[in-house]
Amino acid sequence: MASNKLLASATKQASYNMVFQVAFRVMTFLLNAFLLRYISKEMVGVVNVRLTLLYTTIIFVSHEAFRRACLSGGDRHNWRQTVNLIWCTVPLGFVCTGVFTAVWLYLLERPDQETIPHYSLGVIAFAASAFVELFADQLWLMTQALLFVRLKVVIDSLWIAVRCVTTVILVVYFPHLGLIAFSIAQVMGSVALVLAYYAYFTHYIRTASANDSFPLKTIRDFFPTWPTGKKLWTSPELARLTWSFFKQGILKQLLTEGERYVMTIFDVLSFGDQGVYDIINNLGSMAARFIFLPIEDGGYLFFGQSLKRGKPIRDQEKESLALVSRVLASLLKVVVLIGLIILVFGYAYSFLALDIYAGEMLSSGSGPSLLRWYCVYVLLIAINGTTECFVFAAMSQEEVDRYNKKMLVFSVLFLTSAVYLTRWLGSVGFIFANCLNMLARILHSLYFILGYYRDSQWSPLSGLVPSGWVSAVLVVSWVVTSSSEMMLCCDQGWPYRILHIAIGAVCLLVVMATILLTEQDLVLFVREQWLSRSQQRGDKSKQDQKATNIDRQKDSKKQS
């Protein structure tokens, strides 16, 4: 029962976190669309790249490893020792804040004082906001470990809301503040987050019953204390685990923030170009997060449950293997078709989309070219995510460990190529470097899949190639929409823009109709899955209705 309850709570927390991430992305998208009409692209580069990188770097070095270590093992740990350990983030964070603030102020290139005034204040504010959040780490730990699911979502939403509302008010009504507006919003968001945690748990402790299992009994327990007797101040096991997580996290941090580190350390782009690239990157990655990531997660779950990890194809059940092969081919066909549609129509509508989203700031410079090349990158992301989810499900543990070492090589190649390509090609160099990284990973996955299915009757990689009719219609659509953009869009007024959009809509309908008529295997697969899911919902509804009728009959007998 306890395990089932834990699984249900963890699943609920994952669902809430996913909803929160979607809400966060949507709110950021809308906020940027509004603010970009009031601020310069140089301001976007300083805030979203330079100062945000300072904030995330302090957060990572100060407490990321501590959080992961303290969450490991749950209630098997001594909570007193765990709280003591996580409070080590405060002195460490103080040192990191001082060191990284000095680096950002004195070693890195500073923006032009006339274009971006108050840069020093912005650095101090963003560093201080990261340091302030460390004072709530022990309460964040309780929220996660004891599954206060809704509390975390509410507080994280509050943090975002305070930042967004404060930023909008200050930027719109006090435009002369410049970077000070973002600095105030950043600090207020962090302070609101910390105060919310302390306010909730203070109220929780004061109103909790004597039998409550919550490990913190008094407000004094929020803070570090020396244990009585011969007990150690903290757990040596957790301390070693923290160091291990820190070493593992360095690669993840470099992969996550690699582009920003290259921009910041090597000065390969101006602050304006950094701002434009950051906006394009956020816009382009929405397709990967909202469309391809759910497909990848669902595919990995299915492949992981259907395949015997590390076993060759001859040792797999033939029925399961046939279904796996069909699912892999269908998923590849789906993501390739979606990626090609984004590529074809993204080329002709990048300028219009950016002009509507942010005006001339994005549409007049390198923005449209960046977004067009990003559409190529989205196609590669789609293929890589689907092939890798199969590979990770089929690999043995030893093969996964070897692949992680290869990932380190891929990461080094990406960062190196990013530096040189960006110096040569400008912002597009980052996208080319990402494309090269994706191509290397795709080739590795294709090599594994080909070897896995060697001498078998199945060839799931055929899903990478759309039908001839679909390919032809996509090419014609690209020619038609590109010609429409040159002749109708986008400096002849809204009537011509609407006509350009209508032409694209017609082309898209023709593409979708061609897919329905020629990709019969894919259509059949989707229809089967839809009918199967509908039948499952119907069966569940009948079972619920039957259970309800039984309960009513029992109640009637009791009353009689």
Protein backbone atom coordinates (compact mmCIF):
# COMPACT_ATOMS: atom_id res chain seq x y z
CA MET A 1 0.00 0.00 0.00
CA ALA A 2 2.79 2.42 0.88
CA SER A 3 4.57 1.71 -2.42
CA ASN A 4 1.37 2.25 -4.39
CA LYS A 5 0.74 5.52 -2.56
CA LEU A 6 4.29 6.66 -3.24
CA LEU A 7 3.99 5.76 -6.93
CA ALA A 8 0.68 7.61 -7.21
CA SER A 9 2.11 10.69 -5.51
CA ALA A 10 5.24 10.62 -7.64
CA THR A 11 3.14 10.30 -10.80
CA LYS A 12 0.96 13.16 -9.65
CA GLN A 13 4.03 15.28 -8.98
CA ALA A 14 5.45 14.50 -12.43
CA SER A 15 2.14 15.50 -14.02
CA TYR A 16 2.05 18.75 -12.08
CA ASN A 17 5.65 19.47 -13.02
CA MET A 18 4.89 18.87 -16.70
CA VAL A 19 1.90 21.22 -16.55
CA PHE A 20 4.05 23.77 -14.75
CA GLN A 21 6.76 23.57 -17.41
CA VAL A 22 4.20 24.07 -20.18
CA ALA A 23 2.64 27.01 -18.33
CA PHE A 24 6.09 28.49 -17.72
CA ARG A 25 6.99 28.26 -21.42
CA VAL A 26 3.68 29.74 -22.54
CA MET A 27 3.92 32.60 -20.04
CA THR A 28 7.50 33.32 -21.10
CA PHE A 29 6.42 33.25 -24.74
CA LEU A 30 3.62 35.75 -24.15
CA LEU A 31 5.73 37.95 -21.87
CA ASN A 32 8.52 38.19 -24.44
CA ALA A 33 6.04 39.02 -27.20
CA PHE A 34 4.81 41.93 -25.08
CA LEU A 35 8.13 43.18 -23.71
CA LEU A 36 10.05 43.02 -26.99
CA ARG A 37 8.12 46.07 -28.13
CA TYR A 38 9.48 48.07 -25.20
CA ILE A 39 13.12 46.96 -24.89
CA SER A 40 16.13 46.61 -27.19
CA LYS A 41 17.67 43.38 -28.40
CA GLU A 42 20.85 44.35 -26.50
CA MET A 43 18.82 44.38 -23.29
CA VAL A 44 17.46 40.91 -24.12
CA GLY A 45 21.00 39.64 -24.66
CA VAL A 46 22.29 41.04 -21.37
CA VAL A 47 19.33 39.80 -19.30
CA ASN A 48 18.50 36.45 -20.94
CA VAL A 49 22.05 35.36 -21.68
CA ARG A 50 24.66 37.11 -19.54
CA LEU A 51 22.78 37.68 -16.27
CA THR A 52 20.65 34.54 -16.44
CA LEU A 53 23.83 32.50 -16.95
CA LEU A 54 25.26 34.08 -13.79
CA TYR A 55 22.13 33.11 -11.87
CA THR A 56 22.05 29.49 -13.13
CA THR A 57 25.79 29.03 -12.57
CA ILE A 58 25.57 30.09 -8.92
CA ILE A 59 22.51 27.89 -8.41
CA PHE A 60 24.24 24.86 -9.98
CA VAL A 61 27.54 25.15 -8.11
CA SER A 62 25.92 26.05 -4.77
CA HIS A 63 23.09 23.58 -4.36
CA GLU A 64 22.26 21.32 -7.31
CA ALA A 65 24.40 18.42 -6.04
CA PHE A 66 23.25 18.94 -2.42
CA ARG A 67 19.61 18.74 -3.46
CA ARG A 68 20.05 15.51 -5.42
CA ALA A 69 22.07 13.89 -2.64
CA CYS A 70 19.66 14.86 0.13
CA LEU A 71 16.71 13.52 -1.85
CA SER A 72 18.41 10.13 -2.25
CA GLY A 73 17.19 7.61 0.29
CA GLY A 74 14.20 9.59 1.53
CA ASP A 75 13.31 8.90 5.17
CA ARG A 76 16.13 6.38 5.56
CA HIS A 77 18.36 9.34 6.33
CA ASN A 78 18.61 11.17 9.63
CA TRP A 79 16.65 14.34 8.90
CA ARG A 80 18.70 16.36 11.36
CA GLN A 81 21.90 15.46 9.54
CA THR A 82 20.22 16.03 6.16
CA VAL A 83 19.09 19.53 7.11
CA ASN A 84 22.56 20.31 8.42
CA LEU A 85 24.14 19.18 5.16
CA ILE A 86 21.84 21.17 2.91
CA TRP A 87 22.55 24.32 4.95
CA CYS A 88 26.13 24.00 3.69
CA THR A 89 24.80 25.53 0.49
CA VAL A 90 24.61 28.93 2.21
CA PRO A 91 28.34 29.43 2.98
CA LEU A 92 29.25 27.77 -0.33
CA GLY A 93 26.75 30.01 -2.11
CA PHE A 94 28.21 33.08 -0.41
CA VAL A 95 31.65 32.22 -1.75
CA CYS A 96 30.28 31.39 -5.22
CA THR A 97 28.28 34.60 -5.31
CA GLY A 98 31.35 36.65 -4.53
CA VAL A 99 33.63 34.83 -6.98
CA PHE A 100 31.22 34.76 -9.93
CA THR A 101 30.11 38.35 -9.33
CA ALA A 102 33.74 39.43 -9.55
CA VAL A 103 34.22 37.42 -12.76
CA TRP A 104 31.10 38.91 -14.36
CA LEU A 105 32.10 42.43 -13.32
CA TYR A 106 35.85 42.50 -13.96
CA LEU A 107 36.85 39.66 -16.31
CA LEU A 108 34.02 39.49 -18.86
CA GLU A 109 33.29 42.10 -21.49
CA ARG A 110 30.89 44.76 -20.21
CA PRO A 111 28.06 46.15 -22.35
CA ASP A 112 28.23 49.73 -23.55
CA GLN A 113 27.30 52.03 -20.67
CA GLU A 114 25.14 54.26 -22.86
CA THR A 115 23.21 51.35 -24.39
CA ILE A 116 22.85 49.25 -21.21
CA PRO A 117 23.40 51.39 -18.10
CA HIS A 118 23.47 49.96 -14.55
CA TYR A 119 25.17 46.71 -15.62
CA SER A 120 27.01 46.39 -12.29
CA LEU A 121 23.74 46.70 -10.37
CA GLY A 122 22.19 44.02 -12.59
CA VAL A 123 25.05 41.61 -11.89
CA ILE A 124 24.78 42.16 -8.15
CA ALA A 125 20.98 41.78 -8.21
CA PHE A 126 20.93 38.51 -10.17
CA ALA A 127 23.74 37.06 -8.03
CA ALA A 128 21.94 38.14 -4.85
CA SER A 129 18.68 36.54 -6.01
CA ALA A 130 20.45 33.20 -6.45
CA PHE A 131 22.01 33.51 -2.98
CA VAL A 132 18.67 34.42 -1.36
CA GLU A 133 16.99 31.29 -2.71
CA LEU A 134 19.53 29.10 -0.89
CA PHE A 135 17.89 29.99 2.43
CA ALA A 136 14.81 27.96 1.47
CA ASP A 137 16.64 24.82 0.35
CA GLN A 138 15.78 22.80 3.46
CA LEU A 139 12.07 23.58 2.99
CA TRP A 140 12.26 22.80 -0.73
CA LEU A 141 13.76 19.46 0.30
CA MET A 142 10.80 18.71 2.59
CA THR A 143 8.40 19.67 -0.18
CA GLN A 144 10.02 17.23 -2.59
CA ALA A 145 10.82 14.35 -0.25
CA LEU A 146 7.44 14.36 1.52
CA LEU A 147 5.51 14.98 -1.71
CA PHE A 148 3.87 18.33 -1.02
CA VAL A 149 2.96 18.31 -4.69
CA ARG A 150 0.55 21.21 -4.95
CA LEU A 151 2.63 23.39 -2.67
CA LYS A 152 5.61 23.28 -4.99
CA VAL A 153 3.47 24.10 -8.01
CA VAL A 154 1.80 27.02 -6.20
CA ILE A 155 5.10 28.49 -4.96
CA ASP A 156 6.84 28.07 -8.32
CA SER A 157 3.86 29.73 -10.00
CA LEU A 158 4.03 32.55 -7.48
CA TRP A 159 7.72 32.98 -8.24
CA ILE A 160 7.03 33.29 -11.96
CA ALA A 161 4.00 35.54 -11.49
CA VAL A 162 5.86 38.00 -9.25
CA ARG A 163 8.75 38.24 -11.70
CA CYS A 164 6.53 38.64 -14.76
CA VAL A 165 4.07 41.14 -13.29
CA THR A 166 6.84 43.24 -11.74
CA THR A 167 8.82 43.25 -14.99
CA VAL A 168 5.82 44.31 -17.08
CA ILE A 169 4.80 47.10 -14.71
CA LEU A 170 8.30 48.55 -14.40
CA VAL A 171 9.19 48.26 -18.09
CA VAL A 172 5.92 49.78 -19.31
CA TYR A 173 5.41 52.52 -16.73
CA PHE A 174 9.04 53.25 -15.81
CA PRO A 175 10.98 52.69 -19.06
CA HIS A 176 13.85 54.90 -17.90
CA LEU A 177 14.85 52.27 -15.32
CA GLY A 178 16.26 49.95 -17.99
CA LEU A 179 18.17 47.06 -16.44
CA ILE A 180 17.09 48.13 -12.95
CA ALA A 181 13.54 46.97 -13.76
CA PHE A 182 14.70 43.41 -14.49
CA SER A 183 16.95 43.46 -11.42
CA ILE A 184 14.10 44.47 -9.10
CA ALA A 185 11.80 41.81 -10.61
CA GLN A 186 14.46 39.11 -10.21
CA VAL A 187 15.12 39.91 -6.55
CA MET A 188 11.41 40.25 -5.73
CA GLY A 189 10.68 36.87 -7.27
CA SER A 190 13.39 35.16 -5.19
CA VAL A 191 12.30 36.91 -1.97
CA ALA A 192 8.67 35.95 -2.61
CA LEU A 193 9.70 32.31 -3.12
CA VAL A 194 11.65 32.15 0.15
CA LEU A 195 8.95 33.94 2.18
CA ALA A 196 6.25 31.66 0.76
CA TYR A 197 8.11 28.53 1.87
CA TYR A 198 8.74 29.87 5.38
CA ALA A 199 5.18 31.18 5.76
CA TYR A 200 3.60 27.89 4.73
CA PHE A 201 5.75 25.60 6.86
CA THR A 202 5.57 27.92 9.88
CA HIS A 203 1.78 27.73 9.66
CA TYR A 204 1.95 23.97 9.04
CA ILE A 205 4.05 23.31 12.16
CA ARG A 206 1.89 25.49 14.40
CA THR A 207 -1.33 23.78 13.28
CA ALA A 208 -0.02 20.20 12.97
CA SER A 209 -1.19 17.54 15.40
CA ALA A 210 1.17 15.91 17.88
CA ASN A 211 1.11 12.65 15.89
CA ASP A 212 2.08 14.28 12.61
CA SER A 213 5.05 12.53 10.96
CA PHE A 214 6.53 15.76 9.59
CA PRO A 215 10.23 15.71 10.67
CA LEU A 216 10.48 19.41 11.57
CA LYS A 217 8.60 19.96 14.83
CA THR A 218 9.56 23.55 15.64
CA ILE A 219 10.68 26.61 13.71
CA ARG A 220 14.13 26.12 15.22
CA ASP A 221 14.36 22.86 13.28
CA PHE A 222 14.44 24.88 10.06
CA PHE A 223 18.02 25.79 10.84
CA PRO A 224 21.21 23.75 11.46
CA THR A 225 21.81 22.39 14.96
CA TRP A 226 24.52 20.33 16.61
CA PRO A 227 23.25 16.80 17.41
CA THR A 228 23.29 15.50 20.95
CA GLY A 229 25.56 12.70 22.07
CA LYS A 230 28.16 11.24 19.73
CA LYS A 231 26.14 11.67 16.56
CA LEU A 232 27.91 13.26 13.60
CA TRP A 233 26.90 16.75 12.45
CA THR A 234 26.06 15.36 9.02
CA SER A 235 26.18 12.06 7.17
CA PRO A 236 29.55 11.18 5.56
CA GLU A 237 27.64 9.03 3.08
CA LEU A 238 25.54 12.00 1.93
CA ALA A 239 28.63 14.20 1.76
CA ARG A 240 30.39 11.72 -0.56
CA LEU A 241 27.20 11.38 -2.61
CA THR A 242 27.04 15.16 -2.97
CA TRP A 243 30.55 15.26 -4.42
CA SER A 244 29.68 12.44 -6.80
CA PHE A 245 26.56 14.26 -8.03
CA PHE A 246 28.55 17.45 -8.47
CA LYS A 247 31.04 15.74 -10.78
CA GLN A 248 28.21 14.15 -12.77
CA GLY A 249 26.38 17.46 -13.02
CA ILE A 250 29.27 19.36 -14.61
CA LEU A 251 28.70 17.71 -18.01
CA LYS A 252 24.95 18.28 -17.76
CA GLN A 253 25.51 21.95 -16.95
CA LEU A 254 27.88 22.37 -19.89
CA LEU A 255 25.38 20.69 -22.24
CA THR A 256 22.44 22.71 -20.93
CA GLU A 257 24.15 26.10 -20.89
CA GLY A 258 26.94 25.41 -23.40
CA GLU A 259 25.80 28.00 -25.91
CA ARG A 260 25.56 30.72 -23.28
CA TYR A 261 29.02 29.90 -21.92
CA VAL A 262 30.47 30.13 -25.43
CA MET A 263 28.74 33.48 -26.02
CA THR A 264 29.84 34.84 -22.65
CA ILE A 265 33.43 33.61 -22.45
CA PHE A 266 34.57 33.86 -26.07
CA ASP A 267 32.67 37.04 -27.09
CA VAL A 268 31.68 35.48 -30.42
CA LEU A 269 28.48 37.54 -30.69
CA SER A 270 27.43 41.06 -29.77
CA PHE A 271 24.83 41.46 -27.02
CA GLY A 272 22.21 42.30 -29.66
CA ASP A 273 22.95 39.13 -31.62
CA GLN A 274 22.89 37.14 -28.38
CA GLY A 275 19.43 38.51 -27.62
CA VAL A 276 18.09 37.66 -31.08
CA TYR A 277 19.55 34.15 -30.95
CA ASP A 278 18.10 33.52 -27.48
CA ILE A 279 14.60 34.53 -28.65
CA ILE A 280 14.84 32.39 -31.80
CA ASN A 281 16.14 29.45 -29.77
CA ASN A 282 13.19 29.70 -27.37
CA LEU A 283 10.70 29.97 -30.23
CA GLY A 284 12.19 27.13 -32.24
CA SER A 285 12.51 24.76 -29.31
CA MET A 286 8.79 24.96 -28.50
CA ALA A 287 8.04 22.37 -31.19
CA ALA A 288 10.62 20.01 -29.69
CA ARG A 289 9.23 20.42 -26.17
CA PHE A 290 5.51 20.29 -26.91
CA ILE A 291 5.38 17.85 -29.86
CA PHE A 292 8.42 15.61 -29.99
CA LEU A 293 9.25 15.21 -26.28
CA PRO A 294 5.90 13.52 -25.41
CA ILE A 295 6.37 11.19 -28.41
CA GLU A 296 9.90 10.38 -27.24
CA ASP A 297 8.82 9.74 -23.63
CA GLY A 298 5.93 7.52 -24.68
CA GLY A 299 8.13 5.62 -27.13
CA TYR A 300 10.81 4.96 -24.52
CA LEU A 301 8.20 3.70 -22.05
CA PHE A 302 6.77 1.29 -24.65
CA PHE A 303 10.13 0.03 -25.94
CA GLY A 304 11.46 -0.38 -22.41
CA GLN A 305 8.50 -2.56 -21.42
CA SER A 306 8.44 -4.58 -24.65
CA LEU A 307 12.13 -5.36 -25.15
CA LYS A 308 14.52 -7.43 -23.03
CA ARG A 309 17.34 -4.99 -22.37
CA GLY A 310 20.72 -6.08 -23.67
CA LYS A 311 19.39 -9.19 -25.39
CA PRO A 312 19.96 -9.79 -29.14
CA ILE A 313 17.04 -9.98 -31.52
CA ARG A 314 17.01 -13.80 -31.55
CA ASP A 315 16.30 -13.82 -27.79
CA GLN A 316 13.34 -11.46 -28.03
CA GLU A 317 9.73 -12.62 -28.27
CA LYS A 318 8.73 -12.54 -31.93
CA GLU A 319 5.28 -11.12 -31.27
CA SER A 320 6.67 -8.27 -29.17
CA LEU A 321 9.48 -7.65 -31.64
CA ALA A 322 7.06 -7.40 -34.55
CA LEU A 323 4.98 -4.84 -32.67
CA VAL A 324 8.08 -2.91 -31.58
CA SER A 325 9.32 -2.77 -35.17
CA ARG A 326 5.98 -1.50 -36.39
CA VAL A 327 5.76 1.12 -33.63
CA LEU A 328 9.31 2.34 -34.30
CA ALA A 329 8.64 2.66 -38.03
CA SER A 330 5.36 4.49 -37.37
CA LEU A 331 6.91 6.88 -34.84
CA LEU A 332 9.77 7.65 -37.21
CA LYS A 333 7.29 8.33 -40.01
CA VAL A 334 5.24 10.64 -37.74
CA VAL A 335 8.17 12.74 -36.53
CA VAL A 336 9.74 12.91 -40.01
CA LEU A 337 6.49 14.13 -41.54
CA ILE A 338 5.96 16.71 -38.78
CA GLY A 339 9.58 17.84 -39.06
CA LEU A 340 9.37 18.17 -42.86
CA ILE A 341 6.14 20.17 -42.60
CA ILE A 342 7.82 22.52 -40.10
CA LEU A 343 10.84 22.80 -42.41
CA VAL A 344 8.85 23.47 -45.59
CA PHE A 345 6.40 25.98 -44.16
CA GLY A 346 8.88 27.46 -41.69
CA TYR A 347 11.05 28.62 -44.58
CA ALA A 348 8.29 30.72 -46.15
CA TYR A 349 6.69 31.99 -42.94
CA SER A 350 9.66 32.73 -40.66
CA PHE A 351 9.76 36.42 -41.56
CA LEU A 352 6.02 36.90 -41.10
CA ALA A 353 5.95 34.98 -37.81
CA LEU A 354 8.79 37.02 -36.32
CA ASP A 355 7.33 40.29 -37.58
CA ILE A 356 4.00 39.52 -35.93
CA TYR A 357 5.68 38.27 -32.76
CA ALA A 358 8.16 41.06 -32.09
CA GLY A 359 8.10 43.55 -34.96
CA GLU A 360 11.15 44.81 -36.79
CA MET A 361 13.53 43.97 -33.96
CA LEU A 362 13.47 40.30 -35.04
CA SER A 363 12.29 40.46 -38.64
CA SER A 364 14.72 43.09 -39.93
CA GLY A 365 18.04 41.42 -39.12
CA SER A 366 19.32 37.87 -38.95
CA GLY A 367 16.16 36.60 -37.20
CA PRO A 368 14.36 35.09 -40.24
CA SER A 369 17.52 33.32 -41.43
CA LEU A 370 18.12 31.93 -37.93
CA LEU A 371 14.57 30.62 -37.65
CA ARG A 372 14.74 28.99 -41.10
CA TRP A 373 17.91 27.12 -40.19
CA TYR A 374 16.40 26.26 -36.82
CA CYS A 375 13.62 24.44 -38.70
CA VAL A 376 16.34 22.15 -40.12
CA TYR A 377 17.57 21.58 -36.57
CA VAL A 378 14.03 20.73 -35.41
CA LEU A 379 13.82 17.95 -38.01
CA LEU A 380 17.10 16.50 -36.74
CA ILE A 381 15.90 16.78 -33.12
CA ALA A 382 12.77 14.82 -34.06
CA ILE A 383 14.72 11.98 -35.68
CA ASN A 384 17.34 11.84 -32.94
CA GLY A 385 14.82 11.75 -30.09
CA THR A 386 12.88 8.85 -31.58
CA THR A 387 15.89 6.75 -32.57
CA GLU A 388 17.62 7.31 -29.22
CA CYS A 389 14.56 6.29 -27.20
CA PHE A 390 14.68 2.90 -28.96
CA VAL A 391 18.45 2.62 -28.59
CA PHE A 392 18.39 3.39 -24.85
CA ALA A 393 15.63 0.82 -24.32
CA ALA A 394 17.49 -1.91 -26.22
CA MET A 395 21.06 -1.28 -25.01
CA SER A 396 22.63 -3.23 -22.19
CA GLN A 397 23.90 -1.32 -19.17
CA GLU A 398 27.48 -1.65 -20.41
CA GLU A 399 26.49 -0.23 -23.80
CA VAL A 400 24.74 2.69 -22.09
CA ASP A 401 27.88 3.42 -20.07
CA ARG A 402 29.99 3.39 -23.24
CA TYR A 403 27.50 5.67 -24.95
CA ASN A 404 27.72 8.17 -22.07
CA LYS A 405 31.46 8.40 -22.72
CA LYS A 406 30.74 9.01 -26.40
CA MET A 407 28.33 11.75 -25.38
CA LEU A 408 31.24 13.50 -23.68
CA VAL A 409 33.12 13.41 -26.99
CA PHE A 410 30.04 14.72 -28.83
CA SER A 411 29.77 17.55 -26.30
CA VAL A 412 33.39 18.59 -26.71
CA LEU A 413 33.01 18.54 -30.49
CA PHE A 414 29.84 20.63 -30.22
CA LEU A 415 31.43 23.30 -28.02
CA THR A 416 34.56 23.44 -30.20
CA SER A 417 32.61 23.65 -33.45
CA ALA A 418 30.29 26.26 -31.93
CA VAL A 419 33.23 28.57 -31.19
CA TYR A 420 34.74 28.36 -34.68
CA LEU A 421 31.51 28.25 -36.70
CA THR A 422 30.08 31.23 -34.82
CA ARG A 423 33.20 33.29 -35.42
CA TRP A 424 32.96 32.38 -39.10
CA LEU A 425 29.18 32.49 -39.71
CA GLY A 426 27.77 34.50 -36.82
CA SER A 427 24.65 33.36 -34.95
CA VAL A 428 23.86 30.68 -37.55
CA GLY A 429 27.08 28.95 -36.50
CA PHE A 430 25.43 27.87 -33.23
CA ILE A 431 22.62 26.19 -35.15
CA PHE A 432 25.10 24.50 -37.50
CA ALA A 433 27.07 23.22 -34.49
CA ASN A 434 23.85 21.84 -32.98
CA CYS A 435 22.99 20.20 -36.30
CA LEU A 436 26.41 18.54 -36.47
CA ASN A 437 25.96 17.27 -32.91
CA MET A 438 22.52 15.86 -33.74
CA LEU A 439 23.80 14.26 -36.95
CA ALA A 440 26.58 12.50 -35.05
CA ARG A 441 24.10 11.13 -32.51
CA ILE A 442 21.63 10.10 -35.24
CA LEU A 443 24.34 8.22 -37.15
CA HIS A 444 25.31 6.42 -33.94
CA SER A 445 21.68 5.41 -33.32
CA LEU A 446 21.14 4.32 -36.93
CA TYR A 447 24.29 2.19 -36.77
CA PHE A 448 22.99 0.49 -33.62
CA ILE A 449 19.50 -0.11 -35.06
CA LEU A 450 20.88 -1.51 -38.32
CA GLY A 451 23.09 -3.89 -36.36
CA TYR A 452 20.21 -4.84 -34.09
CA TYR A 453 17.94 -5.79 -37.01
CA ARG A 454 20.65 -7.36 -39.15
CA ASP A 455 19.51 -10.68 -40.71
CA SER A 456 15.90 -10.12 -39.62
CA GLN A 457 12.70 -9.68 -41.61
CA TRP A 458 11.96 -6.22 -40.20
CA SER A 459 13.31 -2.87 -41.36
CA PRO A 460 11.80 -0.15 -39.15
CA LEU A 461 14.17 2.52 -40.53
CA SER A 462 11.99 2.57 -43.64
CA GLY A 463 9.85 4.96 -41.62
CA LEU A 464 12.49 7.65 -42.22
CA VAL A 465 11.46 7.95 -45.87
CA PRO A 466 8.04 9.43 -46.72
CA SER A 467 6.12 8.23 -49.74
CA GLY A 468 6.99 9.62 -53.17
CA TRP A 469 3.69 11.49 -53.45
CA VAL A 470 4.16 13.17 -50.05
CA SER A 471 7.72 14.17 -50.96
CA ALA A 472 6.55 15.63 -54.26
CA VAL A 473 3.71 17.60 -52.64
CA LEU A 474 6.09 18.97 -49.99
CA VAL A 475 8.49 20.17 -52.68
CA VAL A 476 5.66 21.83 -54.62
CA SER A 477 4.37 23.43 -51.39
CA TRP A 478 7.83 24.83 -50.70
CA VAL A 479 8.03 26.36 -54.17
CA VAL A 480 4.50 27.82 -53.98
CA THR A 481 4.84 29.30 -50.46
CA SER A 482 8.35 30.65 -51.14
CA SER A 483 7.08 32.34 -54.32
CA SER A 484 4.10 33.68 -52.39
CA GLU A 485 6.43 35.18 -49.80
CA MET A 486 8.53 36.94 -52.44
CA MET A 487 5.50 38.34 -54.31
CA LEU A 488 2.98 39.05 -51.54
CA CYS A 489 4.80 39.35 -48.23
CA CYS A 490 5.45 41.24 -46.20
CA ASP A 491 5.68 44.98 -46.88
CA GLN A 492 2.46 45.40 -48.90
CA GLY A 493 0.01 45.51 -46.01
CA TRP A 494 -2.18 43.05 -44.18
CA PRO A 495 -4.45 42.06 -47.13
CA TYR A 496 -1.43 40.57 -48.91
CA ARG A 497 -0.21 38.98 -45.69
CA ILE A 498 -3.58 37.31 -45.19
CA LEU A 499 -3.48 36.08 -48.79
CA HIS A 500 0.01 34.66 -48.15
CA ILE A 501 -1.30 32.87 -45.04
CA ALA A 502 -4.29 31.52 -47.00
CA ILE A 503 -2.00 30.10 -49.69
CA GLY A 504 0.02 28.34 -46.98
CA ALA A 505 -3.16 26.96 -45.40
CA VAL A 506 -4.29 25.49 -48.72
CA CYS A 507 -0.87 23.92 -49.30
CA LEU A 508 -0.93 22.46 -45.80
CA LEU A 509 -4.37 20.93 -46.40
CA VAL A 510 -3.12 19.37 -49.63
CA VAL A 511 -0.10 17.93 -47.78
CA MET A 512 -2.32 16.47 -45.03
CA ALA A 513 -4.71 14.99 -47.60
CA THR A 514 -1.81 13.41 -49.47
CA ILE A 515 -0.51 11.87 -46.24
CA LEU A 516 -3.94 10.40 -45.48
CA LEU A 517 -4.22 8.90 -48.98
CA THR A 518 -0.67 7.57 -49.46
CA GLU A 519 0.66 6.70 -45.99
CA GLN A 520 -1.77 3.84 -45.48
CA ASP A 521 0.34 1.91 -42.97
CA LEU A 522 0.69 4.98 -40.75
CA VAL A 523 -3.01 5.86 -41.01
CA LEU A 524 -3.97 2.27 -40.15
CA PHE A 525 -1.64 2.25 -37.16
CA VAL A 526 -3.01 5.54 -35.80
CA ARG A 527 -6.59 4.36 -36.32
CA GLU A 528 -5.91 1.09 -34.47
CA GLN A 529 -4.36 2.93 -31.54
CA TRP A 530 -7.25 5.39 -31.40
CA LEU A 531 -9.88 2.62 -31.49
CA SER A 532 -7.97 0.63 -28.86
CA ARG A 533 -7.83 3.61 -26.53
CA SER A 534 -11.52 4.37 -27.09
CA GLN A 535 -12.40 0.75 -26.31
CA GLN A 536 -10.33 0.86 -23.10
CA ARG A 537 -12.13 4.00 -22.00
CA GLY A 538 -15.47 2.37 -22.80
CA ASP A 539 -14.60 -0.78 -20.83
CA LYS A 540 -13.46 1.31 -17.88
CA SER A 541 -16.68 3.31 -18.02
CA LYS A 542 -18.74 0.09 -18.00
CA GLN A 543 -16.75 -1.26 -15.04
CA ASP A 544 -17.27 1.98 -13.11
CA GLN A 545 -20.99 1.92 -13.88
CA LYS A 546 -21.23 -1.73 -12.79
CA ALA A 547 -19.41 -0.95 -9.54
CA THR A 548 -21.74 1.99 -8.92
CA ASN A 549 -24.82 -0.20 -9.44
CA ILE A 550 -23.46 -2.80 -7.02
CA ASP A 551 -22.86 -0.12 -4.39
CA ARG A 552 -26.40 1.17 -4.85
CA GLN A 553 -27.83 -2.32 -4.44
CA LYS A 554 -25.85 -2.78 -1.20
CA ASP A 555 -27.10 0.55 0.11
CA SER A 556 -30.70 -0.40 -0.73
CA LYS A 557 -30.38 -3.70 1.14
CA LYS A 558 -28.97 -1.95 4.19
CA GLN A 559 -31.79 0.59 4.21
CA SER A 560 -34.43 -2.15 3.87
